[in-house]
Amino acid sequence: MVQRKDLLHLSFYEKSPYLGSDGPLRYRIEKSEEGEGDDKKKVMKVTIWPGPFSYDKTPEEKMSSKNFEFSEEALDDICEWISARSAEIHEA
């Protein structure tokens, strides 16, 4: 189970993606943009995939992504989302 203390401060994501794992589940959290033109907004894109392979070596069709608001509060939601997906893998 991913907990809030496992993730870094928001300022880290401004500069670099973060990669982690929870059992067989791998995840990547990175700053991204959503929308077009003047409607663009900064978001945190979370991508998950089954291990054992790295982000770069996993086929895109095995990955799943979701965007979250770029905020400290969203990190709690990210933990819940990753943990729920991880629980699904453990049950399978």
Protein backbone atom coordinates (compact mmCIF):
# COMPACT_ATOMS: atom_id res chain seq x y z
CA MET A 1 0.00 0.00 0.00
CA VAL A 2 1.38 3.39 -1.00
CA GLN A 3 1.18 5.96 1.77
CA ARG A 4 1.53 9.73 1.61
CA LYS A 5 4.93 9.55 3.32
CA ASP A 6 6.16 7.41 0.38
CA LEU A 7 5.70 10.31 -2.04
CA LEU A 8 7.85 13.41 -2.25
CA HIS A 9 7.06 17.10 -1.81
CA LEU A 10 5.29 18.78 -4.72
CA SER A 11 8.39 20.82 -5.66
CA PHE A 12 10.21 17.59 -6.61
CA TYR A 13 7.65 16.87 -9.35
CA GLU A 14 8.27 20.32 -10.88
CA LYS A 15 11.72 19.15 -11.93
CA SER A 16 11.68 15.39 -12.30
CA PRO A 17 9.41 12.34 -12.59
CA TYR A 18 9.22 9.95 -9.64
CA LEU A 19 9.21 6.18 -10.08
CA GLY A 20 8.11 3.71 -7.44
CA SER A 21 6.58 0.31 -6.86
CA ASP A 22 4.09 -1.44 -4.62
CA GLY A 23 4.65 -5.17 -4.88
CA PRO A 24 4.18 -6.15 -8.54
CA LEU A 25 2.75 -2.73 -9.47
CA ARG A 26 5.09 -0.06 -10.84
CA TYR A 27 4.18 3.64 -11.04
CA ARG A 28 5.49 6.93 -12.37
CA ILE A 29 4.36 10.39 -11.26
CA GLU A 30 5.27 13.36 -13.43
CA LYS A 31 4.30 16.94 -14.18
CA SER A 32 2.29 17.23 -17.39
CA GLU A 33 -0.17 19.57 -19.10
CA GLU A 34 -3.82 19.11 -19.90
CA GLY A 35 -5.92 21.11 -22.34
CA GLU A 36 -4.95 23.32 -25.25
CA GLY A 37 -4.02 26.95 -25.88
CA ASP A 38 -5.01 29.32 -23.09
CA ASP A 39 -6.88 26.49 -21.34
CA LYS A 40 -3.70 24.53 -20.59
CA LYS A 41 -3.21 23.65 -16.95
CA LYS A 42 -0.49 21.85 -15.06
CA VAL A 43 -1.42 18.37 -13.80
CA MET A 44 0.24 15.37 -12.22
CA LYS A 45 0.13 12.42 -14.59
CA VAL A 46 0.28 9.05 -12.84
CA THR A 47 1.06 5.99 -14.94
CA ILE A 48 0.87 2.45 -13.59
CA TRP A 49 1.92 -0.88 -15.10
CA PRO A 50 2.57 -4.44 -13.94
CA GLY A 51 6.18 -5.36 -13.18
CA PRO A 52 8.77 -6.63 -13.53
CA PHE A 53 9.82 -4.37 -16.41
CA SER A 54 10.75 -0.70 -16.25
CA TYR A 55 8.72 2.19 -17.65
CA ASP A 56 10.85 2.33 -20.79
CA LYS A 57 10.65 -1.43 -21.44
CA THR A 58 6.91 -1.91 -20.86
CA PRO A 59 4.57 -1.82 -23.87
CA GLU A 60 2.19 1.14 -23.78
CA GLU A 61 -0.88 -1.09 -23.98
CA LYS A 62 0.01 -2.56 -20.56
CA MET A 63 0.05 0.90 -18.96
CA SER A 64 -2.79 2.92 -17.51
CA SER A 65 -2.66 6.66 -16.73
CA LYS A 66 -4.74 9.20 -14.85
CA ASN A 67 -4.29 12.95 -14.38
CA PHE A 68 -4.66 14.67 -11.03
CA GLU A 69 -4.64 18.31 -10.00
CA PHE A 70 -1.10 19.63 -9.45
CA SER A 71 -1.35 20.19 -5.68
CA GLU A 72 -0.17 18.79 -2.37
CA GLU A 73 -3.73 17.68 -1.61
CA ALA A 74 -3.85 15.62 -4.81
CA LEU A 75 -0.96 13.49 -3.51
CA ASP A 76 -3.43 11.90 -1.06
CA ASP A 77 -5.73 11.04 -3.98
CA ILE A 78 -2.78 9.65 -5.92
CA CYS A 79 -1.88 7.36 -3.01
CA GLU A 80 -5.44 6.06 -2.85
CA TRP A 81 -5.61 5.47 -6.62
CA ILE A 82 -2.28 3.64 -6.79
CA SER A 83 -3.14 1.54 -3.71
CA ALA A 84 -6.53 0.57 -5.17
CA ARG A 85 -4.93 -0.54 -8.46
CA SER A 86 -2.26 -2.44 -6.52
CA ALA A 87 -4.95 -4.25 -4.49
CA GLU A 88 -6.63 -5.29 -7.75
CA ILE A 89 -3.38 -6.85 -8.94
CA HIS A 90 -2.85 -8.66 -5.63
CA GLU A 91 -6.38 -10.12 -5.85
CA ALA A 92 -5.87 -11.38 -9.41
